[in-house]
N, C-alpha and C. Protein backbone atom coordinates (compact mmCIF):
# COMPACT_ATOMS: atom_id res chain seq x y z
N UNK A 1 -28.79 133.73 58.80
CA UNK A 1 -27.98 132.93 57.91
C UNK A 1 -27.84 133.69 56.60
N UNK A 2 -26.66 133.66 56.08
CA UNK A 2 -26.44 134.39 54.83
C UNK A 2 -27.13 133.65 53.68
N UNK A 3 -27.52 134.42 52.68
CA UNK A 3 -28.16 133.82 51.51
C UNK A 3 -27.21 132.84 50.82
N UNK A 4 -25.94 133.18 50.81
CA UNK A 4 -24.96 132.32 50.16
C UNK A 4 -24.91 130.94 50.84
N UNK A 5 -24.92 130.93 52.17
CA UNK A 5 -24.88 129.66 52.89
C UNK A 5 -26.17 128.88 52.67
N UNK A 6 -27.31 129.57 52.71
CA UNK A 6 -28.60 128.91 52.51
C UNK A 6 -28.65 128.27 51.13
N UNK A 7 -28.22 129.01 50.11
CA UNK A 7 -28.22 128.49 48.75
C UNK A 7 -27.31 127.27 48.64
N UNK A 8 -26.14 127.35 49.27
CA UNK A 8 -25.21 126.21 49.26
C UNK A 8 -25.86 124.99 49.90
N UNK A 9 -26.47 125.17 51.07
CA UNK A 9 -27.11 124.04 51.75
C UNK A 9 -28.27 123.48 50.95
N UNK A 10 -29.05 124.34 50.32
CA UNK A 10 -30.18 123.87 49.52
C UNK A 10 -29.70 123.07 48.32
N UNK A 11 -28.63 123.51 47.68
CA UNK A 11 -28.05 122.75 46.56
C UNK A 11 -27.54 121.39 47.05
N UNK A 12 -26.92 121.41 48.21
CA UNK A 12 -26.40 120.18 48.79
C UNK A 12 -27.54 119.20 49.09
N UNK A 13 -28.65 119.72 49.58
CA UNK A 13 -29.82 118.88 49.86
C UNK A 13 -30.34 118.25 48.57
N UNK A 14 -30.41 119.02 47.51
CA UNK A 14 -30.86 118.50 46.21
C UNK A 14 -29.92 117.37 45.76
N UNK A 15 -28.61 117.57 45.92
CA UNK A 15 -27.64 116.53 45.56
C UNK A 15 -27.86 115.28 46.40
N UNK A 16 -28.13 115.47 47.70
CA UNK A 16 -28.37 114.34 48.58
C UNK A 16 -29.58 113.53 48.12
N UNK A 17 -30.64 114.21 47.74
CA UNK A 17 -31.84 113.50 47.31
C UNK A 17 -31.63 112.80 45.96
N UNK A 18 -30.82 113.37 45.08
CA UNK A 18 -30.49 112.69 43.82
C UNK A 18 -29.67 111.43 44.12
N UNK A 19 -28.73 111.57 45.05
CA UNK A 19 -27.93 110.41 45.45
C UNK A 19 -28.83 109.34 46.07
N UNK A 20 -29.76 109.75 46.91
CA UNK A 20 -30.68 108.80 47.52
C UNK A 20 -31.45 108.02 46.46
N UNK A 21 -31.92 108.71 45.45
CA UNK A 21 -32.67 108.05 44.39
C UNK A 21 -31.80 106.99 43.70
N UNK A 22 -30.55 107.34 43.41
CA UNK A 22 -29.64 106.39 42.76
C UNK A 22 -29.36 105.20 43.67
N UNK A 23 -29.11 105.48 44.95
CA UNK A 23 -28.83 104.39 45.90
C UNK A 23 -30.02 103.46 46.06
N UNK A 24 -31.21 104.03 46.12
CA UNK A 24 -32.41 103.21 46.28
C UNK A 24 -32.61 102.34 45.04
N UNK A 25 -32.39 102.90 43.85
CA UNK A 25 -32.51 102.11 42.62
C UNK A 25 -31.48 100.98 42.59
N UNK A 26 -30.25 101.29 42.97
CA UNK A 26 -29.20 100.27 43.02
C UNK A 26 -29.54 99.19 44.04
N UNK A 27 -30.02 99.61 45.20
CA UNK A 27 -30.42 98.66 46.23
C UNK A 27 -31.50 97.73 45.69
N UNK A 28 -32.46 98.28 44.97
CA UNK A 28 -33.54 97.47 44.40
C UNK A 28 -33.01 96.46 43.40
N UNK A 29 -32.03 96.87 42.58
CA UNK A 29 -31.42 95.94 41.62
C UNK A 29 -30.74 94.79 42.33
N UNK A 30 -29.98 95.09 43.38
CA UNK A 30 -29.30 94.04 44.13
C UNK A 30 -30.34 93.14 44.79
N UNK A 31 -31.37 93.73 45.35
CA UNK A 31 -32.42 92.96 46.00
C UNK A 31 -33.11 92.02 45.00
N UNK A 32 -33.40 92.53 43.80
CA UNK A 32 -34.01 91.69 42.76
C UNK A 32 -33.09 90.54 42.37
N UNK A 33 -31.80 90.84 42.25
CA UNK A 33 -30.83 89.81 41.90
C UNK A 33 -30.77 88.72 42.98
N UNK A 34 -30.79 89.13 44.22
CA UNK A 34 -30.77 88.17 45.33
C UNK A 34 -32.02 87.29 45.28
N UNK A 35 -33.16 87.91 45.05
CA UNK A 35 -34.42 87.16 44.99
C UNK A 35 -34.39 86.13 43.84
N UNK A 36 -33.92 86.55 42.67
CA UNK A 36 -33.83 85.64 41.52
C UNK A 36 -32.87 84.50 41.81
N UNK A 37 -31.74 84.81 42.45
CA UNK A 37 -30.76 83.78 42.77
C UNK A 37 -31.33 82.81 43.80
N UNK A 38 -32.11 83.30 44.76
CA UNK A 38 -32.76 82.42 45.73
C UNK A 38 -33.66 81.40 45.02
N UNK A 39 -34.42 81.89 44.04
CA UNK A 39 -35.29 81.00 43.28
C UNK A 39 -34.48 79.95 42.53
N UNK A 40 -33.36 80.34 41.96
CA UNK A 40 -32.50 79.41 41.25
C UNK A 40 -31.92 78.36 42.21
N UNK A 41 -31.50 78.78 43.37
CA UNK A 41 -30.95 77.85 44.37
C UNK A 41 -32.02 76.81 44.73
N UNK A 42 -33.24 77.26 44.94
CA UNK A 42 -34.32 76.33 45.29
C UNK A 42 -34.54 75.33 44.16
N UNK A 43 -34.55 75.81 42.91
CA UNK A 43 -34.71 74.91 41.77
C UNK A 43 -33.58 73.90 41.69
N UNK A 44 -32.35 74.36 41.91
CA UNK A 44 -31.20 73.46 41.83
C UNK A 44 -31.20 72.44 42.96
N UNK A 45 -31.65 72.85 44.13
CA UNK A 45 -31.66 71.91 45.26
C UNK A 45 -32.62 70.76 45.02
N UNK A 46 -33.62 70.98 44.21
CA UNK A 46 -34.57 69.92 43.86
C UNK A 46 -33.87 68.84 43.03
N UNK A 47 -32.84 69.24 42.27
CA UNK A 47 -32.12 68.32 41.38
C UNK A 47 -31.00 67.55 42.09
N UNK A 48 -30.91 67.62 43.36
CA UNK A 48 -29.83 67.00 44.14
C UNK A 48 -29.20 65.78 43.49
N UNK A 49 -28.04 65.45 43.97
CA UNK A 49 -27.37 64.24 43.53
C UNK A 49 -26.20 64.50 42.60
N UNK A 50 -26.24 65.56 41.87
CA UNK A 50 -25.16 65.86 40.94
C UNK A 50 -24.11 66.72 41.64
N UNK A 51 -22.87 66.38 41.41
CA UNK A 51 -21.76 67.16 41.99
C UNK A 51 -21.80 68.59 41.44
N UNK A 52 -22.14 68.72 40.17
CA UNK A 52 -22.22 70.04 39.55
C UNK A 52 -23.29 70.88 40.23
N UNK A 53 -24.43 70.26 40.54
CA UNK A 53 -25.51 70.98 41.21
C UNK A 53 -25.07 71.43 42.59
N UNK A 54 -24.44 70.55 43.34
CA UNK A 54 -23.98 70.88 44.69
C UNK A 54 -22.97 72.02 44.64
N UNK A 55 -22.02 71.93 43.70
CA UNK A 55 -21.02 73.00 43.55
C UNK A 55 -21.69 74.31 43.14
N UNK A 56 -22.67 74.23 42.25
CA UNK A 56 -23.38 75.44 41.81
C UNK A 56 -24.13 76.09 42.95
N UNK A 57 -24.80 75.29 43.75
CA UNK A 57 -25.55 75.83 44.90
C UNK A 57 -24.60 76.48 45.89
N UNK A 58 -23.48 75.85 46.15
CA UNK A 58 -22.49 76.41 47.07
C UNK A 58 -21.98 77.75 46.55
N UNK A 59 -21.68 77.80 45.26
CA UNK A 59 -21.20 79.04 44.65
C UNK A 59 -22.26 80.13 44.71
N UNK A 60 -23.50 79.80 44.37
CA UNK A 60 -24.59 80.78 44.39
C UNK A 60 -24.84 81.31 45.80
N UNK A 61 -24.72 80.45 46.79
CA UNK A 61 -24.92 80.89 48.18
C UNK A 61 -23.81 81.86 48.60
N UNK A 62 -22.59 81.63 48.12
CA UNK A 62 -21.50 82.58 48.41
C UNK A 62 -21.80 83.93 47.78
N UNK A 63 -22.31 83.90 46.55
CA UNK A 63 -22.69 85.16 45.89
C UNK A 63 -23.80 85.86 46.67
N UNK A 64 -24.73 85.06 47.19
CA UNK A 64 -25.82 85.64 47.97
C UNK A 64 -25.28 86.37 49.20
N UNK A 65 -24.37 85.73 49.90
CA UNK A 65 -23.78 86.36 51.08
C UNK A 65 -23.09 87.68 50.72
N UNK A 66 -22.36 87.66 49.61
CA UNK A 66 -21.66 88.87 49.16
C UNK A 66 -22.67 89.97 48.81
N UNK A 67 -23.70 89.62 48.05
CA UNK A 67 -24.70 90.62 47.65
C UNK A 67 -25.50 91.13 48.85
N UNK A 68 -25.75 90.28 49.81
CA UNK A 68 -26.47 90.73 51.01
C UNK A 68 -25.61 91.73 51.78
N UNK A 69 -24.30 91.50 51.80
CA UNK A 69 -23.40 92.47 52.42
C UNK A 69 -23.43 93.81 51.70
N UNK A 70 -23.46 93.76 50.35
CA UNK A 70 -23.56 94.99 49.57
C UNK A 70 -24.87 95.71 49.86
N UNK A 71 -25.95 94.95 49.93
CA UNK A 71 -27.27 95.55 50.18
C UNK A 71 -27.30 96.20 51.56
N UNK A 72 -26.69 95.55 52.53
CA UNK A 72 -26.66 96.11 53.90
C UNK A 72 -25.86 97.42 53.90
N UNK A 73 -24.72 97.43 53.21
CA UNK A 73 -23.90 98.64 53.15
C UNK A 73 -24.65 99.77 52.43
N UNK A 74 -25.38 99.43 51.37
CA UNK A 74 -26.16 100.45 50.66
C UNK A 74 -27.26 101.01 51.55
N UNK A 75 -27.92 100.14 52.31
CA UNK A 75 -28.98 100.61 53.19
C UNK A 75 -28.41 101.54 54.27
N UNK A 76 -27.22 101.24 54.75
CA UNK A 76 -26.56 102.12 55.72
C UNK A 76 -26.27 103.47 55.08
N UNK A 77 -25.80 103.48 53.83
CA UNK A 77 -25.53 104.74 53.12
C UNK A 77 -26.83 105.51 52.90
N UNK A 78 -27.89 104.81 52.54
CA UNK A 78 -29.18 105.46 52.33
C UNK A 78 -29.64 106.13 53.62
N UNK A 79 -29.58 105.40 54.72
CA UNK A 79 -30.02 105.95 56.00
C UNK A 79 -29.19 107.16 56.42
N UNK A 80 -27.88 107.07 56.24
CA UNK A 80 -26.99 108.17 56.62
C UNK A 80 -27.24 109.39 55.73
N UNK A 81 -27.43 109.18 54.44
CA UNK A 81 -27.68 110.29 53.52
C UNK A 81 -29.00 110.97 53.84
N UNK A 82 -30.03 110.18 54.15
CA UNK A 82 -31.32 110.75 54.54
C UNK A 82 -31.18 111.56 55.82
N UNK A 83 -30.47 111.01 56.77
CA UNK A 83 -30.26 111.69 58.05
C UNK A 83 -29.55 113.03 57.84
N UNK A 84 -28.50 113.02 57.02
CA UNK A 84 -27.76 114.25 56.75
C UNK A 84 -28.64 115.30 56.07
N UNK A 85 -29.44 114.87 55.10
CA UNK A 85 -30.33 115.80 54.40
C UNK A 85 -31.34 116.40 55.38
N UNK A 86 -31.90 115.58 56.24
CA UNK A 86 -32.88 116.08 57.22
C UNK A 86 -32.24 117.05 58.21
N UNK A 87 -30.99 116.78 58.59
CA UNK A 87 -30.29 117.70 59.49
C UNK A 87 -30.09 119.06 58.81
N UNK A 88 -29.74 119.05 57.54
CA UNK A 88 -29.54 120.30 56.80
C UNK A 88 -30.86 121.07 56.69
N UNK A 89 -31.93 120.36 56.40
CA UNK A 89 -33.24 121.01 56.30
C UNK A 89 -33.62 121.63 57.64
N UNK A 90 -33.42 120.89 58.72
CA UNK A 90 -33.75 121.40 60.05
C UNK A 90 -32.90 122.63 60.38
N UNK A 91 -31.63 122.59 60.01
CA UNK A 91 -30.74 123.73 60.25
C UNK A 91 -31.23 124.97 59.50
N UNK A 92 -31.58 124.79 58.24
CA UNK A 92 -32.09 125.92 57.44
C UNK A 92 -33.35 126.49 58.09
N UNK A 93 -34.23 125.63 58.53
CA UNK A 93 -35.48 126.07 59.14
C UNK A 93 -35.21 126.84 60.43
N UNK A 94 -34.29 126.35 61.24
CA UNK A 94 -33.94 127.06 62.48
C UNK A 94 -33.35 128.43 62.18
N UNK A 95 -32.50 128.50 61.18
CA UNK A 95 -31.85 129.76 60.83
C UNK A 95 -32.86 130.76 60.25
N UNK A 96 -33.86 130.31 59.57
CA UNK A 96 -34.87 131.20 59.01
C UNK A 96 -35.70 131.85 60.12
N UNK A 97 -35.84 131.16 61.24
CA UNK A 97 -36.68 131.68 62.33
C UNK A 97 -35.89 132.47 63.35
N UNK A 98 -34.64 132.74 63.08
CA UNK A 98 -33.82 133.54 64.01
C UNK A 98 -33.88 134.99 63.64
């Protein structure tokens, strides 16, 4: 493998790991938000009887569904990025032993 290609792949791997760190941090923020909203929904459900409370719970649950979809998509991106980085590392290792 040429040095130029190896250097390119190594830089790309570093970028992948930086991206992974950002994605994991973002995923954690969404996860924290979902957890806090769950607690709020539970508190509001205790107050039953008010139309405002029922509407608020319905709205918050819709937000939960949306955020859970975002979290799932981020986890898919995290897994794919990790997989790509590992493939590049394995390729570099194979090329070094040729």
